[in-house]
Amino acid sequence: MDTVAAIAAERRRLAGLRLAATDVDWAPGKGDPVEGPARRPARADRPGGRETVKRAPRPEPRRPFRCCVPD
C-alpha cells in the first residue's frame, strides 16, 4: 500500500511542477514580465487585421456512399 501512496504523491508533485511551469509570465516573446504583452486591437490597415483575414470556402456536402444502387 505504501507504493500506491508514494505514486500518488509523486503524481501530485509533478502536476504541481507542470502547473508552475505553465504559469510563467516572463517567457521569451511575452513582453514585459509584469504587464505581459501589449495587446493592440486588430485593424484592417495592419497585416492580419480583421478585414484582411479570409476564410476558406465551405466544402460541398458529401453524398452518402452508394454501392450497386442506380441513381
PDB file of N, CA and C in Angstrom:
ATOM      1  N   MET A   1       0.825  -1.200   0.000  1.00  0.00           N
ATOM      2  CA  MET A   1       0.000   0.000   0.000  1.00  0.00           C
ATOM      3  C   MET A   1       0.864   1.257   0.000  1.00  0.00           C
ATOM      4  N   ASP A   2       2.044   1.168   0.555  1.00  0.00           N
ATOM      5  CA  ASP A   2       2.940   2.327   0.571  1.00  0.00           C
ATOM      6  C   ASP A   2       3.312   2.741  -0.848  1.00  0.00           C
ATOM      7  N   THR A   3       3.433   1.770  -1.741  1.00  0.00           N
ATOM      8  CA  THR A   3       3.818   2.080  -3.117  1.00  0.00           C
ATOM      9  C   THR A   3       2.734   2.913  -3.799  1.00  0.00           C
ATOM     10  N   VAL A   4       1.479   2.554  -3.580  1.00  0.00           N
ATOM     11  CA  VAL A   4       0.370   3.288  -4.189  1.00  0.00           C
ATOM     12  C   VAL A   4       0.353   4.727  -3.676  1.00  0.00           C
ATOM     13  N   ALA A   5       0.553   4.903  -2.383  1.00  0.00           N
ATOM     14  CA  ALA A   5       0.569   6.250  -1.801  1.00  0.00           C
ATOM     15  C   ALA A   5       1.755   7.052  -2.323  1.00  0.00           C
ATOM     16  N   ALA A   6       2.898   6.389  -2.489  1.00  0.00           N
ATOM     17  CA  ALA A   6       4.088   7.080  -2.994  1.00  0.00           C
ATOM     18  C   ALA A   6       3.877   7.522  -4.443  1.00  0.00           C
ATOM     19  N   ILE A   7       3.258   6.655  -5.244  1.00  0.00           N
ATOM     20  CA  ILE A   7       2.994   7.003  -6.642  1.00  0.00           C
ATOM     21  C   ILE A   7       2.019   8.177  -6.711  1.00  0.00           C
ATOM     22  N   ALA A   8       0.984   8.152  -5.880  1.00  0.00           N
ATOM     23  CA  ALA A   8       0.010   9.244  -5.873  1.00  0.00           C
ATOM     24  C   ALA A   8       0.664  10.559  -5.451  1.00  0.00           C
ATOM     25  N   ALA A   9       1.534  10.506  -4.456  1.00  0.00           N
ATOM     26  CA  ALA A   9       2.224  11.715  -4.003  1.00  0.00           C
ATOM     27  C   ALA A   9       3.139  12.255  -5.100  1.00  0.00           C
ATOM     28  N   GLU A  10       3.823  11.359  -5.799  1.00  0.00           N
ATOM     29  CA  GLU A  10       4.717  11.787  -6.881  1.00  0.00           C
ATOM     30  C   GLU A  10       3.916  12.418  -8.021  1.00  0.00           C
ATOM     31  N   ARG A  11       2.762  11.851  -8.333  1.00  0.00           N
ATOM     32  CA  ARG A  11       1.924  12.424  -9.391  1.00  0.00           C
ATOM     33  C   ARG A  11       1.441  13.820  -9.009  1.00  0.00           C
ATOM     34  N   ARG A  12       1.050  13.997  -7.742  1.00  0.00           N
ATOM     35  CA  ARG A  12       0.624  15.325  -7.286  1.00  0.00           C
ATOM     36  C   ARG A  12       1.774  16.319  -7.370  1.00  0.00           C
ATOM     37  N   ARG A  13       2.978  15.876  -7.004  1.00  0.00           N
ATOM     38  CA  ARG A  13       4.146  16.757  -7.048  1.00  0.00           C
ATOM     39  C   ARG A  13       4.447  17.172  -8.489  1.00  0.00           C
ATOM     40  N   LEU A  14       4.417  16.197  -9.408  1.00  0.00           N
ATOM     41  CA  LEU A  14       4.700  16.501 -10.809  1.00  0.00           C
ATOM     42  C   LEU A  14       3.621  17.407 -11.409  1.00  0.00           C
ATOM     43  N   ALA A  15       2.373  17.195 -11.021  1.00  0.00           N
ATOM     44  CA  ALA A  15       1.295  18.053 -11.516  1.00  0.00           C
ATOM     45  C   ALA A  15       1.509  19.485 -11.049  1.00  0.00           C
ATOM     46  N   GLY A  16       1.967  19.650  -9.819  1.00  0.00           N
ATOM     47  CA  GLY A  16       2.258  20.992  -9.308  1.00  0.00           C
ATOM     48  C   GLY A  16       3.392  21.644 -10.067  1.00  0.00           C
ATOM     49  N   LEU A  17       4.427  20.872 -10.401  1.00  0.00           N
ATOM     50  CA  LEU A  17       5.550  21.423 -11.163  1.00  0.00           C
ATOM     51  C   LEU A  17       5.101  21.820 -12.563  1.00  0.00           C
ATOM     52  N   ARG A  18       4.256  20.986 -13.183  1.00  0.00           N
ATOM     53  CA  ARG A  18       3.767  21.283 -14.516  1.00  0.00           C
ATOM     54  C   ARG A  18       2.943  22.574 -14.504  1.00  0.00           C
ATOM     55  N   LEU A  19       2.114  22.724 -13.483  1.00  0.00           N
ATOM     56  CA  LEU A  19       1.292  23.921 -13.364  1.00  0.00           C
ATOM     57  C   LEU A  19       2.171  25.149 -13.169  1.00  0.00           C
ATOM     58  N   ALA A  20       3.198  25.022 -12.347  1.00  0.00           N
ATOM     59  CA  ALA A  20       4.101  26.147 -12.106  1.00  0.00           C
ATOM     60  C   ALA A  20       4.859  26.512 -13.378  1.00  0.00           C
ATOM     61  N   ALA A  21       5.213  25.528 -14.186  1.00  0.00           N
ATOM     62  CA  ALA A  21       5.971  25.793 -15.407  1.00  0.00           C
ATOM     63  C   ALA A  21       5.110  26.511 -16.447  1.00  0.00           C
ATOM     64  N   THR A  22       3.813  26.239 -16.464  1.00  0.00           N
ATOM     65  CA  THR A  22       2.953  26.891 -17.453  1.00  0.00           C
ATOM     66  C   THR A  22       2.484  28.256 -16.973  1.00  0.00           C
ATOM     67  N   ASP A  23       2.713  28.589 -15.727  1.00  0.00           N
ATOM     68  CA  ASP A  23       2.243  29.839 -15.149  1.00  0.00           C
ATOM     69  C   ASP A  23       3.285  30.947 -15.253  1.00  0.00           C
ATOM     70  N   VAL A  24       4.319  30.745 -16.060  1.00  0.00           N
ATOM     71  CA  VAL A  24       5.420  31.697 -16.145  1.00  0.00           C
ATOM     72  C   VAL A  24       5.027  32.841 -17.070  1.00  0.00           C
ATOM     73  N   ASP A  25       5.199  34.065 -16.607  1.00  0.00           N
ATOM     74  CA  ASP A  25       4.870  35.235 -17.416  1.00  0.00           C
ATOM     75  C   ASP A  25       6.076  35.833 -18.115  1.00  0.00           C
ATOM     76  N   TRP A  26       7.256  35.396 -17.775  1.00  0.00           N
ATOM     77  CA  TRP A  26       8.452  36.019 -18.340  1.00  0.00           C
ATOM     78  C   TRP A  26       9.076  35.193 -19.448  1.00  0.00           C
ATOM     79  N   ALA A  27       8.302  34.340 -20.100  1.00  0.00           N
ATOM     80  CA  ALA A  27       8.832  33.533 -21.200  1.00  0.00           C
ATOM     81  C   ALA A  27       9.228  34.446 -22.359  1.00  0.00           C
ATOM     82  N   PRO A  28      10.194  34.036 -23.178  1.00  0.00           N
ATOM     83  CA  PRO A  28      10.624  34.878 -24.300  1.00  0.00           C
ATOM     84  C   PRO A  28       9.461  35.208 -25.227  1.00  0.00           C
ATOM     85  N   GLY A  29       9.402  36.447 -25.665  1.00  0.00           N
ATOM     86  CA  GLY A  29       8.347  36.872 -26.568  1.00  0.00           C
ATOM     87  C   GLY A  29       7.049  37.236 -25.887  1.00  0.00           C
ATOM     88  N   LYS A  30       7.022  37.207 -24.573  1.00  0.00           N
ATOM     89  CA  LYS A  30       5.791  37.512 -23.857  1.00  0.00           C
ATOM     90  C   LYS A  30       5.691  38.990 -23.488  1.00  0.00           C
ATOM     91  N   GLY A  31       6.732  39.773 -23.756  1.00  0.00           N
ATOM     92  CA  GLY A  31       6.679  41.184 -23.406  1.00  0.00           C
ATOM     93  C   GLY A  31       7.153  41.424 -21.990  1.00  0.00           C
ATOM     94  N   ASP A  32       6.621  42.447 -21.386  1.00  0.00           N
ATOM     95  CA  ASP A  32       7.013  42.834 -20.034  1.00  0.00           C
ATOM     96  C   ASP A  32       6.653  41.728 -19.042  1.00  0.00           C
ATOM     97  N   PRO A  33       7.583  41.365 -18.123  1.00  0.00           N
ATOM     98  CA  PRO A  33       7.280  40.271 -17.194  1.00  0.00           C
ATOM     99  C   PRO A  33       6.133  40.582 -16.245  1.00  0.00           C
ATOM    100  N   VAL A  34       5.871  41.855 -15.982  1.00  0.00           N
ATOM    101  CA  VAL A  34       4.802  42.200 -15.048  1.00  0.00           C
ATOM    102  C   VAL A  34       3.500  42.481 -15.796  1.00  0.00           C
ATOM    103  N   GLU A  35       3.598  43.300 -16.807  1.00  0.00           N
ATOM    104  CA  GLU A  35       2.398  43.723 -17.527  1.00  0.00           C
ATOM    105  C   GLU A  35       1.946  42.713 -18.575  1.00  0.00           C
ATOM    106  N   GLY A  36       2.857  41.899 -19.071  1.00  0.00           N
ATOM    107  CA  GLY A  36       2.510  40.976 -20.138  1.00  0.00           C
ATOM    108  C   GLY A  36       2.628  41.667 -21.485  1.00  0.00           C
ATOM    109  N   PRO A  37       2.266  40.999 -22.555  1.00  0.00           N
ATOM    110  CA  PRO A  37       2.419  41.589 -23.889  1.00  0.00           C
ATOM    111  C   PRO A  37       1.439  42.746 -24.091  1.00  0.00           C
ATOM    112  N   ALA A  38       1.865  43.705 -24.867  1.00  0.00           N
ATOM    113  CA  ALA A  38       0.977  44.819 -25.189  1.00  0.00           C
ATOM    114  C   ALA A  38      -0.010  44.337 -26.247  1.00  0.00           C
ATOM    115  N   ARG A  39      -1.284  44.383 -25.923  1.00  0.00           N
ATOM    116  CA  ARG A  39      -2.310  43.912 -26.851  1.00  0.00           C
ATOM    117  C   ARG A  39      -2.880  45.102 -27.608  1.00  0.00           C
ATOM    118  N   ARG A  40      -2.758  45.065 -28.925  1.00  0.00           N
ATOM    119  CA  ARG A  40      -3.353  46.100 -29.755  1.00  0.00           C
ATOM    120  C   ARG A  40      -4.533  45.480 -30.487  1.00  0.00           C
ATOM    121  N   PRO A  41      -5.616  46.211 -30.629  1.00  0.00           N
ATOM    122  CA  PRO A  41      -6.749  45.644 -31.360  1.00  0.00           C
ATOM    123  C   PRO A  41      -6.407  45.457 -32.832  1.00  0.00           C
ATOM    124  N   ALA A  42      -6.951  44.434 -33.431  1.00  0.00           N
ATOM    125  CA  ALA A  42      -6.703  44.175 -34.851  1.00  0.00           C
ATOM    126  C   ALA A  42      -7.411  45.240 -35.675  1.00  0.00           C
ATOM    127  N   ARG A  43      -6.705  45.758 -36.682  1.00  0.00           N
ATOM    128  CA  ARG A  43      -7.295  46.765 -37.563  1.00  0.00           C
ATOM    129  C   ARG A  43      -7.083  46.339 -38.999  1.00  0.00           C
ATOM    130  N   ALA A  44      -7.925  46.866 -39.875  1.00  0.00           N
ATOM    131  CA  ALA A  44      -7.873  46.453 -41.272  1.00  0.00           C
ATOM    132  C   ALA A  44      -6.597  46.919 -41.960  1.00  0.00           C
ATOM    133  N   ASP A  45      -6.002  48.042 -41.503  1.00  0.00           N
ATOM    134  CA  ASP A  45      -4.812  48.555 -42.176  1.00  0.00           C
ATOM    135  C   ASP A  45      -3.531  47.858 -41.730  1.00  0.00           C
ATOM    136  N   ARG A  46      -3.626  46.938 -40.801  1.00  0.00           N
ATOM    137  CA  ARG A  46      -2.464  46.190 -40.338  1.00  0.00           C
ATOM    138  C   ARG A  46      -2.495  44.779 -40.911  1.00  0.00           C
ATOM    139  N   PRO A  47      -1.342  44.185 -41.231  1.00  0.00           N
ATOM    140  CA  PRO A  47      -1.354  42.796 -41.722  1.00  0.00           C
ATOM    141  C   PRO A  47      -2.007  41.873 -40.696  1.00  0.00           C
ATOM    142  N   GLY A  48      -2.879  41.037 -41.160  1.00  0.00           N
ATOM    143  CA  GLY A  48      -3.577  40.130 -40.251  1.00  0.00           C
ATOM    144  C   GLY A  48      -4.741  40.782 -39.545  1.00  0.00           C
ATOM    145  N   GLY A  49      -5.111  41.998 -39.995  1.00  0.00           N
ATOM    146  CA  GLY A  49      -6.236  42.686 -39.385  1.00  0.00           C
ATOM    147  C   GLY A  49      -7.536  41.950 -39.642  1.00  0.00           C
ATOM    148  N   ARG A  50      -8.580  42.390 -38.975  1.00  0.00           N
ATOM    149  CA  ARG A  50      -9.854  41.673 -39.044  1.00  0.00           C
ATOM    150  C   ARG A  50     -10.394  41.554 -40.463  1.00  0.00           C
ATOM    151  N   GLU A  51     -10.325  42.626 -41.234  1.00  0.00           N
ATOM    152  CA  GLU A  51     -10.948  42.594 -42.557  1.00  0.00           C
ATOM    153  C   GLU A  51     -10.070  41.944 -43.612  1.00  0.00           C
ATOM    154  N   THR A  52      -8.797  41.680 -43.286  1.00  0.00           N
ATOM    155  CA  THR A  52      -7.925  41.065 -44.279  1.00  0.00           C
ATOM    156  C   THR A  52      -7.909  39.549 -44.154  1.00  0.00           C
ATOM    157  N   VAL A  53      -8.475  39.023 -43.082  1.00  0.00           N
ATOM    158  CA  VAL A  53      -8.456  37.577 -42.880  1.00  0.00           C
ATOM    159  C   VAL A  53      -9.537  36.948 -43.748  1.00  0.00           C
ATOM    160  N   LYS A  54      -9.143  36.032 -44.607  1.00  0.00           N
ATOM    161  CA  LYS A  54     -10.093  35.362 -45.493  1.00  0.00           C
ATOM    162  C   LYS A  54     -10.364  33.962 -44.958  1.00  0.00           C
ATOM    163  N   ARG A  55     -11.621  33.618 -44.927  1.00  0.00           N
ATOM    164  CA  ARG A  55     -11.986  32.268 -44.507  1.00  0.00           C
ATOM    165  C   ARG A  55     -12.004  31.353 -45.717  1.00  0.00           C
ATOM    166  N   ALA A  56     -11.689  30.107 -45.476  1.00  0.00           N
ATOM    167  CA  ALA A  56     -11.745  29.117 -46.549  1.00  0.00           C
ATOM    168  C   ALA A  56     -13.215  28.878 -46.912  1.00  0.00           C
ATOM    169  N   PRO A  57     -13.503  28.635 -48.191  1.00  0.00           N
ATOM    170  CA  PRO A  57     -14.894  28.374 -48.570  1.00  0.00           C
ATOM    171  C   PRO A  57     -15.390  27.079 -47.937  1.00  0.00           C
ATOM    172  N   ARG A  58     -16.670  27.044 -47.672  1.00  0.00           N
ATOM    173  CA  ARG A  58     -17.243  25.838 -47.063  1.00  0.00           C
ATOM    174  C   ARG A  58     -17.224  24.709 -48.079  1.00  0.00           C
ATOM    175  N   PRO A  59     -16.838  23.524 -47.665  1.00  0.00           N
ATOM    176  CA  PRO A  59     -16.829  22.404 -48.607  1.00  0.00           C
ATOM    177  C   PRO A  59     -18.259  21.994 -48.969  1.00  0.00           C
ATOM    178  N   GLU A  60     -18.383  21.401 -50.146  1.00  0.00           N
ATOM    179  CA  GLU A  60     -19.705  20.925 -50.562  1.00  0.00           C
ATOM    180  C   GLU A  60     -20.112  19.749 -49.683  1.00  0.00           C
ATOM    181  N   PRO A  61     -21.398  19.622 -49.399  1.00  0.00           N
ATOM    182  CA  PRO A  61     -21.832  18.483 -48.589  1.00  0.00           C
ATOM    183  C   PRO A  61     -21.556  17.170 -49.311  1.00  0.00           C
ATOM    184  N   ARG A  62     -21.106  16.195 -48.572  1.00  0.00           N
ATOM    185  CA  ARG A  62     -20.753  14.910 -49.182  1.00  0.00           C
ATOM    186  C   ARG A  62     -21.995  14.068 -49.394  1.00  0.00           C
ATOM    187  N   ARG A  63     -22.026  13.396 -50.538  1.00  0.00           N
ATOM    188  CA  ARG A  63     -23.129  12.478 -50.806  1.00  0.00           C
ATOM    189  C   ARG A  63     -22.864  11.176 -50.068  1.00  0.00           C
ATOM    190  N   PRO A  64     -23.908  10.544 -49.596  1.00  0.00           N
ATOM    191  CA  PRO A  64     -23.700   9.249 -48.937  1.00  0.00           C
ATOM    192  C   PRO A  64     -23.186   8.212 -49.929  1.00  0.00           C
ATOM    193  N   PHE A  65     -22.374   7.316 -49.450  1.00  0.00           N
ATOM    194  CA  PHE A  65     -21.798   6.279 -50.296  1.00  0.00           C
ATOM    195  C   PHE A  65     -22.893   5.305 -50.722  1.00  0.00           C
ATOM    196  N   ARG A  66     -22.975   5.074 -52.030  1.00  0.00           N
ATOM    197  CA  ARG A  66     -23.969   4.123 -52.528  1.00  0.00           C
ATOM    198  C   ARG A  66     -23.260   3.074 -53.359  1.00  0.00           C
ATOM    199  N   CYS A  67     -23.530   1.861 -53.042  1.00  0.00           N
ATOM    200  CA  CYS A  67     -22.944   0.757 -53.795  1.00  0.00           C
ATOM    201  C   CYS A  67     -24.079  -0.021 -54.461  1.00  0.00           C
ATOM    202  N   CYS A  68     -23.959  -0.175 -55.739  1.00  0.00           N
ATOM    203  CA  CYS A  68     -24.881  -1.016 -56.506  1.00  0.00           C
ATOM    204  C   CYS A  68     -26.318  -0.497 -56.473  1.00  0.00           C
ATOM    205  N   VAL A  69     -26.510   0.790 -56.311  1.00  0.00           N
ATOM    206  CA  VAL A  69     -27.852   1.359 -56.324  1.00  0.00           C
ATOM    207  C   VAL A  69     -27.897   2.365 -57.464  1.00  0.00           C
ATOM    208  N   PRO A  70     -28.794   2.176 -58.432  1.00  0.00           N
ATOM    209  CA  PRO A  70     -28.860   3.133 -59.549  1.00  0.00           C
ATOM    210  C   PRO A  70     -29.360   4.494 -59.069  1.00  0.00           C
ATOM    211  N   ASP A  71     -28.911   5.550 -59.753  1.00  0.00           N
ATOM    212  CA  ASP A  71     -29.331   6.904 -59.354  1.00  0.00           C
ATOM    213  C   ASP A  71     -30.766   7.161 -59.725  1.00  0.00           C
TER     214      ASP A  71
END
